[in-house]
Amino acid sequence: MIASFTLANLAEALILGVALAMDAMAVTLSNSLCEPDMPRSKKLAMPIAFALFQMGMPIAGYFGGTLVAPLIEAYAGIVSFAILAFVGGKMVWEAARELREPESCPASRLTWPTIFMEAVATSIDAFVVGVSFAAGGKDIVLYGGAIGVTTLLCCLAVLVVGRRLGAHFGPRATIAGGVVLIVIGLKALIG
């Protein structure tokens, strides 16, 4: 069911998009601080992956979530925490090692599987939001699109900031970024 389009619906969708994009923005910032010389392909892959998952998860929740929503809701915090704590812990470990032995430990590099895991972890809450859209008769095309576009634009903006900050802070930024990911994971676990 697609509800009628209004400016109020668009405003609500954009505000919700910004709220759902916060985790993706924090992860984008952490990644860009940790790897200031990241290749352009990976810099663009982060916002695109986050935006696609932030757009796709509410749509999946809207159309199929009512069947598995209780299961997803029950384990969303645990899954998000496990993924983000693993990635964040690895970042902290490698950066601390680099601070102790600068010559023997190369800087951590963001991998494609890590981008995928981060995109999944930061968008699980959007799935549950999609289930609520179905219950409320929301226009999933409007809301899903607005959430995806908002996430993309927010993460691109964060990349500009991260690029400027990354060169100044080095391994300490990696530690801070890892801690941020762990905190986001804890937030998801606690609810």
N, C-alpha and C. Protein backbone atom coordinates (compact mmCIF):
# COMPACT_ATOMS: atom_id res chain seq x y z
N MET A 1 0.85 -1.18 0.00
CA MET A 1 0.00 0.00 0.00
C MET A 1 0.90 1.24 0.00
N ILE A 2 0.63 2.14 -0.89
CA ILE A 2 1.41 3.37 -0.97
C ILE A 2 0.51 4.53 -0.60
N ALA A 3 0.90 5.24 0.44
CA ALA A 3 0.12 6.39 0.91
C ALA A 3 0.36 7.57 0.00
N SER A 4 -0.48 8.57 0.12
CA SER A 4 -0.32 9.77 -0.71
C SER A 4 0.90 10.56 -0.25
N PHE A 5 1.54 11.22 -1.21
CA PHE A 5 2.75 11.99 -0.96
C PHE A 5 2.39 13.37 -0.44
N THR A 6 3.03 13.80 0.64
CA THR A 6 2.88 15.16 1.15
C THR A 6 4.26 15.66 1.56
N LEU A 7 4.40 16.97 1.68
CA LEU A 7 5.66 17.54 2.14
C LEU A 7 5.95 17.13 3.58
N ALA A 8 4.90 16.96 4.37
CA ALA A 8 5.09 16.50 5.76
C ALA A 8 5.68 15.10 5.78
N ASN A 9 5.19 14.22 4.87
CA ASN A 9 5.75 12.88 4.78
C ASN A 9 7.23 12.93 4.37
N LEU A 10 7.54 13.80 3.40
CA LEU A 10 8.93 13.92 2.95
C LEU A 10 9.82 14.43 4.09
N ALA A 11 9.36 15.44 4.81
CA ALA A 11 10.13 15.97 5.94
C ALA A 11 10.35 14.88 6.99
N GLU A 12 9.31 14.14 7.31
CA GLU A 12 9.42 13.06 8.28
C GLU A 12 10.42 12.00 7.79
N ALA A 13 10.35 11.67 6.51
CA ALA A 13 11.26 10.66 5.93
C ALA A 13 12.70 11.14 5.99
N LEU A 14 12.94 12.40 5.72
CA LEU A 14 14.31 12.93 5.77
C LEU A 14 14.85 12.97 7.19
N ILE A 15 14.02 13.37 8.13
CA ILE A 15 14.44 13.38 9.54
C ILE A 15 14.76 11.96 10.00
N LEU A 16 13.90 11.02 9.65
CA LEU A 16 14.14 9.63 9.98
C LEU A 16 15.42 9.13 9.30
N GLY A 17 15.64 9.56 8.06
CA GLY A 17 16.85 9.19 7.33
C GLY A 17 18.10 9.66 8.04
N VAL A 18 18.09 10.89 8.53
CA VAL A 18 19.25 11.41 9.27
C VAL A 18 19.45 10.61 10.55
N ALA A 19 18.37 10.33 11.25
CA ALA A 19 18.49 9.56 12.50
C ALA A 19 19.06 8.17 12.25
N LEU A 20 18.58 7.51 11.20
CA LEU A 20 19.09 6.17 10.89
C LEU A 20 20.51 6.21 10.33
N ALA A 21 20.91 7.34 9.76
CA ALA A 21 22.24 7.45 9.17
C ALA A 21 23.34 7.71 10.21
N MET A 22 22.99 8.03 11.43
CA MET A 22 23.99 8.39 12.43
C MET A 22 25.06 7.32 12.63
N ASP A 23 24.65 6.06 12.74
CA ASP A 23 25.62 4.99 12.92
C ASP A 23 26.53 4.87 11.69
N ALA A 24 25.93 4.94 10.50
CA ALA A 24 26.72 4.86 9.27
C ALA A 24 27.69 6.03 9.17
N MET A 25 27.26 7.21 9.60
CA MET A 25 28.15 8.37 9.59
C MET A 25 29.32 8.18 10.55
N ALA A 26 29.04 7.66 11.73
CA ALA A 26 30.11 7.43 12.72
C ALA A 26 31.11 6.40 12.20
N VAL A 27 30.61 5.35 11.56
CA VAL A 27 31.50 4.32 11.02
C VAL A 27 32.32 4.89 9.86
N THR A 28 31.69 5.70 9.01
CA THR A 28 32.41 6.32 7.91
C THR A 28 33.52 7.21 8.44
N LEU A 29 33.23 8.00 9.45
CA LEU A 29 34.24 8.86 10.04
C LEU A 29 35.37 8.04 10.65
N SER A 30 35.02 7.00 11.39
CA SER A 30 36.04 6.15 12.00
C SER A 30 36.94 5.54 10.92
N ASN A 31 36.35 5.01 9.87
CA ASN A 31 37.14 4.40 8.81
C ASN A 31 38.05 5.42 8.12
N SER A 32 37.52 6.61 7.86
CA SER A 32 38.33 7.61 7.15
C SER A 32 39.44 8.17 8.05
N LEU A 33 39.21 8.24 9.34
CA LEU A 33 40.27 8.67 10.26
C LEU A 33 41.37 7.63 10.35
N CYS A 34 40.97 6.38 10.29
CA CYS A 34 41.94 5.29 10.43
C CYS A 34 42.79 5.11 9.17
N GLU A 35 42.25 5.45 8.05
CA GLU A 35 42.97 5.24 6.80
C GLU A 35 42.83 6.47 5.91
N PRO A 36 43.59 7.52 6.23
CA PRO A 36 43.44 8.77 5.48
C PRO A 36 43.83 8.66 4.01
N ASP A 37 44.66 7.68 3.65
CA ASP A 37 45.06 7.51 2.26
C ASP A 37 44.26 6.40 1.57
N MET A 38 43.06 6.15 2.05
CA MET A 38 42.18 5.12 1.50
C MET A 38 41.94 5.38 0.01
N PRO A 39 41.97 4.31 -0.80
CA PRO A 39 41.69 4.49 -2.23
C PRO A 39 40.29 5.06 -2.46
N ARG A 40 40.15 5.83 -3.52
CA ARG A 40 38.88 6.47 -3.84
C ARG A 40 37.75 5.45 -3.98
N SER A 41 38.05 4.28 -4.51
CA SER A 41 37.01 3.26 -4.69
C SER A 41 36.40 2.85 -3.36
N LYS A 42 37.22 2.71 -2.33
CA LYS A 42 36.69 2.34 -1.02
C LYS A 42 36.03 3.53 -0.34
N LYS A 43 36.55 4.73 -0.58
CA LYS A 43 35.89 5.92 -0.02
C LYS A 43 34.46 6.02 -0.53
N LEU A 44 34.27 5.75 -1.80
CA LEU A 44 32.92 5.82 -2.37
C LEU A 44 32.09 4.59 -2.03
N ALA A 45 32.76 3.46 -1.85
CA ALA A 45 32.03 2.23 -1.53
C ALA A 45 31.32 2.32 -0.18
N MET A 46 31.94 2.98 0.78
CA MET A 46 31.32 3.08 2.11
C MET A 46 29.96 3.78 2.04
N PRO A 47 29.88 5.03 1.57
CA PRO A 47 28.58 5.69 1.53
C PRO A 47 27.56 4.95 0.66
N ILE A 48 28.03 4.39 -0.45
CA ILE A 48 27.11 3.68 -1.33
C ILE A 48 26.58 2.42 -0.65
N ALA A 49 27.47 1.64 -0.03
CA ALA A 49 27.02 0.42 0.66
C ALA A 49 26.09 0.76 1.81
N PHE A 50 26.47 1.75 2.61
CA PHE A 50 25.61 2.14 3.73
C PHE A 50 24.25 2.63 3.24
N ALA A 51 24.24 3.43 2.18
CA ALA A 51 22.98 3.95 1.64
C ALA A 51 22.11 2.83 1.08
N LEU A 52 22.71 1.91 0.35
CA LEU A 52 21.93 0.80 -0.22
C LEU A 52 21.31 -0.06 0.87
N PHE A 53 22.09 -0.36 1.90
CA PHE A 53 21.54 -1.17 2.99
C PHE A 53 20.51 -0.39 3.80
N GLN A 54 20.77 0.90 4.03
CA GLN A 54 19.79 1.71 4.78
C GLN A 54 18.49 1.85 3.98
N MET A 55 18.57 1.84 2.66
CA MET A 55 17.36 1.91 1.83
C MET A 55 16.71 0.53 1.73
N GLY A 56 17.53 -0.50 1.56
CA GLY A 56 16.99 -1.84 1.34
C GLY A 56 16.39 -2.50 2.56
N MET A 57 16.96 -2.24 3.72
CA MET A 57 16.45 -2.90 4.93
C MET A 57 15.02 -2.48 5.29
N PRO A 58 14.66 -1.19 5.21
CA PRO A 58 13.26 -0.86 5.49
C PRO A 58 12.31 -1.48 4.46
N ILE A 59 12.76 -1.56 3.22
CA ILE A 59 11.92 -2.17 2.18
C ILE A 59 11.74 -3.66 2.48
N ALA A 60 12.83 -4.33 2.86
CA ALA A 60 12.73 -5.75 3.23
C ALA A 60 11.83 -5.92 4.45
N GLY A 61 11.99 -5.02 5.42
CA GLY A 61 11.13 -5.07 6.60
C GLY A 61 9.67 -4.83 6.27
N TYR A 62 9.42 -3.93 5.34
CA TYR A 62 8.06 -3.59 4.92
C TYR A 62 7.37 -4.79 4.29
N PHE A 63 8.07 -5.47 3.37
CA PHE A 63 7.43 -6.55 2.62
C PHE A 63 7.55 -7.92 3.27
N GLY A 64 8.61 -8.19 3.98
CA GLY A 64 8.77 -9.53 4.52
C GLY A 64 9.02 -9.60 6.00
N GLY A 65 9.13 -8.46 6.60
CA GLY A 65 9.56 -8.43 8.00
C GLY A 65 8.56 -8.93 9.00
N THR A 66 7.30 -8.87 8.68
CA THR A 66 6.33 -9.29 9.69
C THR A 66 6.50 -10.76 10.04
N LEU A 67 7.08 -11.54 9.12
CA LEU A 67 7.29 -12.96 9.40
C LEU A 67 8.48 -13.20 10.33
N VAL A 68 9.54 -12.41 10.13
CA VAL A 68 10.76 -12.64 10.90
C VAL A 68 11.10 -11.50 11.85
N ALA A 69 10.23 -10.51 11.94
CA ALA A 69 10.51 -9.34 12.79
C ALA A 69 10.82 -9.71 14.24
N PRO A 70 10.05 -10.62 14.86
CA PRO A 70 10.38 -10.96 16.25
C PRO A 70 11.79 -11.54 16.39
N LEU A 71 12.20 -12.37 15.44
CA LEU A 71 13.54 -12.96 15.49
C LEU A 71 14.61 -11.89 15.29
N ILE A 72 14.40 -11.01 14.30
CA ILE A 72 15.38 -9.94 14.03
C ILE A 72 15.46 -9.01 15.23
N GLU A 73 14.31 -8.62 15.76
CA GLU A 73 14.31 -7.73 16.92
C GLU A 73 15.02 -8.36 18.10
N ALA A 74 14.81 -9.66 18.29
CA ALA A 74 15.40 -10.35 19.44
C ALA A 74 16.92 -10.40 19.36
N TYR A 75 17.47 -10.52 18.16
CA TYR A 75 18.91 -10.70 18.01
C TYR A 75 19.63 -9.54 17.33
N ALA A 76 18.93 -8.48 16.96
CA ALA A 76 19.56 -7.37 16.24
C ALA A 76 20.69 -6.74 17.04
N GLY A 77 20.48 -6.52 18.31
CA GLY A 77 21.51 -5.91 19.15
C GLY A 77 22.74 -6.79 19.28
N ILE A 78 22.52 -8.08 19.43
CA ILE A 78 23.64 -9.01 19.57
C ILE A 78 24.45 -9.08 18.28
N VAL A 79 23.77 -9.18 17.14
CA VAL A 79 24.46 -9.26 15.85
C VAL A 79 25.23 -7.97 15.58
N SER A 80 24.59 -6.82 15.78
CA SER A 80 25.27 -5.54 15.57
C SER A 80 26.48 -5.41 16.48
N PHE A 81 26.29 -5.76 17.75
CA PHE A 81 27.40 -5.67 18.70
C PHE A 81 28.56 -6.58 18.28
N ALA A 82 28.26 -7.81 17.93
CA ALA A 82 29.32 -8.75 17.58
C ALA A 82 30.14 -8.25 16.39
N ILE A 83 29.47 -7.77 15.37
CA ILE A 83 30.17 -7.29 14.17
C ILE A 83 30.99 -6.05 14.49
N LEU A 84 30.35 -5.06 15.10
CA LEU A 84 31.04 -3.79 15.36
C LEU A 84 32.13 -3.93 16.42
N ALA A 85 31.90 -4.76 17.43
CA ALA A 85 32.94 -4.97 18.44
C ALA A 85 34.15 -5.68 17.84
N PHE A 86 33.91 -6.63 16.96
CA PHE A 86 35.02 -7.33 16.31
C PHE A 86 35.84 -6.36 15.45
N VAL A 87 35.16 -5.60 14.59
CA VAL A 87 35.86 -4.65 13.72
C VAL A 87 36.55 -3.58 14.55
N GLY A 88 35.85 -3.00 15.54
CA GLY A 88 36.44 -1.97 16.39
C GLY A 88 37.59 -2.48 17.22
N GLY A 89 37.43 -3.67 17.79
CA GLY A 89 38.51 -4.26 18.59
C GLY A 89 39.75 -4.51 17.76
N LYS A 90 39.55 -4.97 16.53
CA LYS A 90 40.69 -5.20 15.64
C LYS A 90 41.40 -3.89 15.33
N MET A 91 40.64 -2.83 15.11
CA MET A 91 41.24 -1.52 14.83
C MET A 91 42.07 -1.05 16.03
N VAL A 92 41.51 -1.16 17.24
CA VAL A 92 42.22 -0.72 18.45
C VAL A 92 43.50 -1.54 18.63
N TRP A 93 43.39 -2.84 18.47
CA TRP A 93 44.54 -3.73 18.64
C TRP A 93 45.66 -3.36 17.67
N GLU A 94 45.34 -3.21 16.39
CA GLU A 94 46.36 -2.90 15.39
C GLU A 94 46.97 -1.52 15.60
N ALA A 95 46.16 -0.54 15.97
CA ALA A 95 46.69 0.81 16.20
C ALA A 95 47.58 0.85 17.43
N ALA A 96 47.18 0.15 18.48
CA ALA A 96 48.02 0.12 19.69
C ALA A 96 49.35 -0.55 19.39
N ARG A 97 49.31 -1.59 18.59
CA ARG A 97 50.54 -2.26 18.19
C ARG A 97 51.42 -1.32 17.35
N GLU A 98 50.79 -0.55 16.48
CA GLU A 98 51.55 0.40 15.66
C GLU A 98 52.17 1.50 16.50
N LEU A 99 51.48 1.95 17.55
CA LEU A 99 52.05 2.96 18.44
C LEU A 99 53.26 2.42 19.18
N ARG A 100 53.21 1.15 19.58
CA ARG A 100 54.35 0.52 20.29
C ARG A 100 55.51 0.24 19.36
N GLU A 101 55.21 -0.22 18.14
CA GLU A 101 56.25 -0.60 17.18
C GLU A 101 55.95 0.03 15.82
N PRO A 102 56.21 1.32 15.66
CA PRO A 102 55.81 2.03 14.45
C PRO A 102 56.37 1.45 13.16
N GLU A 103 57.58 0.93 13.19
CA GLU A 103 58.19 0.44 11.95
C GLU A 103 57.69 -0.95 11.57
N SER A 104 57.32 -1.78 12.54
CA SER A 104 57.01 -3.17 12.23
C SER A 104 55.53 -3.42 11.97
N CYS A 105 54.68 -2.45 12.17
CA CYS A 105 53.25 -2.68 12.03
C CYS A 105 52.65 -1.70 11.03
N PRO A 106 52.28 -2.16 9.83
CA PRO A 106 51.66 -1.24 8.87
C PRO A 106 50.26 -0.85 9.32
N ALA A 107 49.81 0.30 8.85
CA ALA A 107 48.47 0.78 9.20
C ALA A 107 47.41 -0.20 8.71
N SER A 108 46.36 -0.33 9.47
CA SER A 108 45.25 -1.20 9.11
C SER A 108 44.58 -0.68 7.85
N ARG A 109 44.14 -1.60 7.00
CA ARG A 109 43.46 -1.23 5.77
C ARG A 109 42.04 -1.78 5.81
N LEU A 110 41.12 -0.97 5.37
CA LEU A 110 39.72 -1.34 5.29
C LEU A 110 39.53 -2.34 4.15
N THR A 111 38.87 -3.45 4.43
CA THR A 111 38.65 -4.47 3.40
C THR A 111 37.21 -4.41 2.90
N TRP A 112 36.97 -5.00 1.74
CA TRP A 112 35.61 -5.05 1.18
C TRP A 112 34.67 -5.84 2.09
N PRO A 113 35.09 -6.99 2.63
CA PRO A 113 34.19 -7.69 3.55
C PRO A 113 33.85 -6.87 4.80
N THR A 114 34.81 -6.06 5.26
CA THR A 114 34.55 -5.22 6.43
C THR A 114 33.50 -4.16 6.10
N ILE A 115 33.60 -3.56 4.92
CA ILE A 115 32.59 -2.57 4.50
C ILE A 115 31.21 -3.23 4.47
N PHE A 116 31.14 -4.44 3.93
CA PHE A 116 29.87 -5.16 3.88
C PHE A 116 29.33 -5.42 5.28
N MET A 117 30.19 -5.92 6.18
CA MET A 117 29.74 -6.20 7.56
C MET A 117 29.28 -4.93 8.25
N GLU A 118 30.00 -3.83 8.05
CA GLU A 118 29.60 -2.57 8.67
C GLU A 118 28.26 -2.09 8.11
N ALA A 119 28.05 -2.27 6.81
CA ALA A 119 26.77 -1.85 6.20
C ALA A 119 25.61 -2.64 6.78
N VAL A 120 25.81 -3.94 6.96
CA VAL A 120 24.77 -4.77 7.57
C VAL A 120 24.52 -4.34 9.01
N ALA A 121 25.59 -4.20 9.77
CA ALA A 121 25.47 -3.90 11.20
C ALA A 121 24.79 -2.56 11.46
N THR A 122 25.09 -1.57 10.61
CA THR A 122 24.51 -0.24 10.84
C THR A 122 23.10 -0.10 10.30
N SER A 123 22.59 -1.11 9.59
CA SER A 123 21.26 -0.97 8.99
C SER A 123 20.23 -1.94 9.56
N ILE A 124 20.60 -2.74 10.53
CA ILE A 124 19.63 -3.69 11.08
C ILE A 124 18.44 -2.98 11.70
N ASP A 125 18.68 -1.85 12.35
CA ASP A 125 17.55 -1.11 12.94
C ASP A 125 16.59 -0.60 11.87
N ALA A 126 17.09 -0.36 10.66
CA ALA A 126 16.22 0.10 9.56
C ALA A 126 15.24 -0.99 9.14
N PHE A 127 15.62 -2.26 9.32
CA PHE A 127 14.71 -3.37 9.01
C PHE A 127 13.47 -3.29 9.90
N VAL A 128 13.71 -3.10 11.18
CA VAL A 128 12.60 -3.03 12.13
C VAL A 128 11.73 -1.81 11.84
N VAL A 129 12.36 -0.70 11.43
CA VAL A 129 11.61 0.49 11.05
C VAL A 129 10.70 0.16 9.86
N GLY A 130 11.20 -0.64 8.92
CA GLY A 130 10.39 -1.05 7.77
C GLY A 130 9.15 -1.83 8.17
N VAL A 131 9.28 -2.67 9.18
CA VAL A 131 8.13 -3.42 9.68
C VAL A 131 7.08 -2.44 10.21
N SER A 132 7.54 -1.41 10.91
CA SER A 132 6.59 -0.42 11.44
C SER A 132 5.95 0.38 10.31
N PHE A 133 6.66 0.57 9.19
CA PHE A 133 6.07 1.25 8.03
C PHE A 133 4.88 0.47 7.49
N ALA A 134 5.02 -0.85 7.43
CA ALA A 134 3.93 -1.68 6.94
C ALA A 134 2.72 -1.56 7.85
N ALA A 135 2.97 -1.57 9.15
CA ALA A 135 1.87 -1.46 10.11
C ALA A 135 1.20 -0.10 10.04
N GLY A 136 1.98 0.94 9.74
CA GLY A 136 1.44 2.30 9.69
C GLY A 136 0.99 2.75 8.32
N GLY A 137 1.10 1.89 7.31
CA GLY A 137 0.67 2.24 5.96
C GLY A 137 1.51 3.33 5.31
N LYS A 138 2.78 3.40 5.64
CA LYS A 138 3.67 4.42 5.10
C LYS A 138 4.01 4.12 3.64
N ASP A 139 4.37 5.15 2.91
CA ASP A 139 4.81 5.03 1.52
C ASP A 139 6.25 4.55 1.51
N ILE A 140 6.45 3.24 1.30
CA ILE A 140 7.78 2.65 1.42
C ILE A 140 8.73 3.18 0.36
N VAL A 141 8.24 3.56 -0.80
CA VAL A 141 9.11 4.11 -1.84
C VAL A 141 9.67 5.46 -1.37
N LEU A 142 8.81 6.31 -0.85
CA LEU A 142 9.24 7.61 -0.35
C LEU A 142 10.21 7.45 0.82
N TYR A 143 9.82 6.67 1.81
CA TYR A 143 10.63 6.53 3.02
C TYR A 143 11.95 5.79 2.74
N GLY A 144 11.88 4.68 2.02
CA GLY A 144 13.10 3.95 1.70
C GLY A 144 14.07 4.79 0.89
N GLY A 145 13.54 5.48 -0.13
CA GLY A 145 14.39 6.34 -0.96
C GLY A 145 15.00 7.49 -0.16
N ALA A 146 14.19 8.12 0.67
CA ALA A 146 14.69 9.25 1.47
C ALA A 146 15.76 8.79 2.46
N ILE A 147 15.56 7.64 3.07
CA ILE A 147 16.55 7.11 4.01
C ILE A 147 17.86 6.81 3.28
N GLY A 148 17.78 6.19 2.12
CA GLY A 148 18.97 5.87 1.35
C GLY A 148 19.72 7.11 0.88
N VAL A 149 19.01 8.07 0.33
CA VAL A 149 19.64 9.30 -0.17
C VAL A 149 20.25 10.10 0.98
N THR A 150 19.52 10.20 2.08
CA THR A 150 20.02 10.93 3.24
C THR A 150 21.29 10.28 3.78
N THR A 151 21.30 8.97 3.88
CA THR A 151 22.50 8.27 4.36
C THR A 151 23.67 8.52 3.42
N LEU A 152 23.44 8.44 2.12
CA LEU A 152 24.49 8.67 1.14
C LEU A 152 25.08 10.07 1.31
N LEU A 153 24.23 11.08 1.36
CA LEU A 153 24.70 12.47 1.47
C LEU A 153 25.42 12.73 2.80
N CYS A 154 24.89 12.20 3.88
CA CYS A 154 25.52 12.38 5.19
C CYS A 154 26.90 11.73 5.23
N CYS A 155 27.01 10.53 4.71
CA CYS A 155 28.30 9.82 4.73
C CYS A 155 29.31 10.48 3.80
N LEU A 156 28.86 11.01 2.67
CA LEU A 156 29.77 11.74 1.78
C LEU A 156 30.30 12.99 2.48
N ALA A 157 29.43 13.68 3.20
CA ALA A 157 29.86 14.88 3.94
C ALA A 157 30.89 14.51 5.00
N VAL A 158 30.67 13.39 5.67
CA VAL A 158 31.61 12.94 6.71
C VAL A 158 32.96 12.58 6.10
N LEU A 159 32.97 12.05 4.89
CA LEU A 159 34.23 11.72 4.24
C LEU A 159 35.12 12.94 4.06
N VAL A 160 34.51 14.07 3.75
CA VAL A 160 35.28 15.31 3.58
C VAL A 160 35.95 15.68 4.90
N VAL A 161 35.20 15.58 5.99
CA VAL A 161 35.74 15.90 7.31
C VAL A 161 36.81 14.88 7.70
N GLY A 162 36.53 13.61 7.50
CA GLY A 162 37.47 12.55 7.88
C GLY A 162 38.79 12.65 7.15
N ARG A 163 38.75 13.01 5.88
CA ARG A 163 39.99 13.14 5.11
C ARG A 163 40.88 14.22 5.69
N ARG A 164 40.28 15.30 6.13
CA ARG A 164 41.06 16.41 6.68
C ARG A 164 41.63 16.08 8.05
N LEU A 165 40.89 15.33 8.84
CA LEU A 165 41.33 15.01 10.20
C LEU A 165 42.30 13.84 10.25
N GLY A 166 42.15 12.88 9.34
CA GLY A 166 42.93 11.65 9.39
C GLY A 166 44.42 11.84 9.37
N ALA A 167 44.90 12.75 8.54
CA ALA A 167 46.35 12.94 8.42
C ALA A 167 46.96 13.50 9.70
N HIS A 168 46.18 14.19 10.50
CA HIS A 168 46.71 14.84 11.70
C HIS A 168 46.80 13.93 12.92
N PHE A 169 45.99 12.87 12.94
CA PHE A 169 45.88 12.09 14.17
C PHE A 169 46.44 10.68 14.11
N GLY A 170 46.67 10.12 12.94
CA GLY A 170 47.33 8.83 12.77
C GLY A 170 46.74 7.70 13.58
N PRO A 171 47.60 6.86 14.24
CA PRO A 171 47.11 5.69 14.98
C PRO A 171 46.15 6.04 16.12
N ARG A 172 46.30 7.21 16.70
CA ARG A 172 45.36 7.60 17.77
C ARG A 172 43.94 7.73 17.21
N ALA A 173 43.83 8.17 15.96
CA ALA A 173 42.52 8.24 15.32
C ALA A 173 41.96 6.84 15.11
N THR A 174 42.84 5.89 14.79
CA THR A 174 42.39 4.51 14.61
C THR A 174 41.84 3.96 15.93
N ILE A 175 42.53 4.24 17.03
CA ILE A 175 42.05 3.80 18.34
C ILE A 175 40.70 4.44 18.64
N ALA A 176 40.60 5.75 18.41
CA ALA A 176 39.33 6.45 18.65
C ALA A 176 38.23 5.87 17.77
N GLY A 177 38.55 5.61 16.51
CA GLY A 177 37.55 5.03 15.60
C GLY A 177 37.10 3.66 16.05
N GLY A 178 38.04 2.83 16.49
CA GLY A 178 37.68 1.51 17.00
C GLY A 178 36.81 1.58 18.23
N VAL A 179 37.13 2.51 19.13
CA VAL A 179 36.32 2.69 20.33
C VAL A 179 34.90 3.15 19.96
N VAL A 180 34.80 4.04 18.97
CA VAL A 180 33.47 4.50 18.52
C VAL A 180 32.66 3.31 18.01
N LEU A 181 33.27 2.43 17.21
CA LEU A 181 32.53 1.27 16.71
C LEU A 181 32.07 0.36 17.84
N ILE A 182 32.94 0.16 18.82
CA ILE A 182 32.56 -0.68 19.96
C ILE A 182 31.41 -0.03 20.74
N VAL A 183 31.46 1.28 20.93
CA VAL A 183 30.39 1.97 21.65
C VAL A 183 29.07 1.87 20.89
N ILE A 184 29.12 2.02 19.55
CA ILE A 184 27.90 1.87 18.75
C ILE A 184 27.35 0.46 18.90
N GLY A 185 28.25 -0.53 18.90
CA GLY A 185 27.82 -1.91 19.10
C GLY A 185 27.20 -2.12 20.47
N LEU A 186 27.81 -1.54 21.51
CA LEU A 186 27.24 -1.63 22.86
C LEU A 186 25.86 -0.99 22.93
N LYS A 187 25.72 0.16 22.25
CA LYS A 187 24.43 0.85 22.21
C LYS A 187 23.37 -0.05 21.58
N ALA A 188 23.75 -0.74 20.50
CA ALA A 188 22.82 -1.64 19.84
C ALA A 188 22.48 -2.83 20.75
N LEU A 189 23.45 -3.32 21.50
CA LEU A 189 23.24 -4.46 22.38
C LEU A 189 22.31 -4.11 23.55
N ILE A 190 22.54 -2.92 24.12
CA ILE A 190 21.75 -2.51 25.27
C ILE A 190 20.35 -2.08 24.86
N GLY A 191 20.26 -1.51 23.65
CA GLY A 191 18.94 -1.12 23.14
C GLY A 191 18.77 0.30 23.26
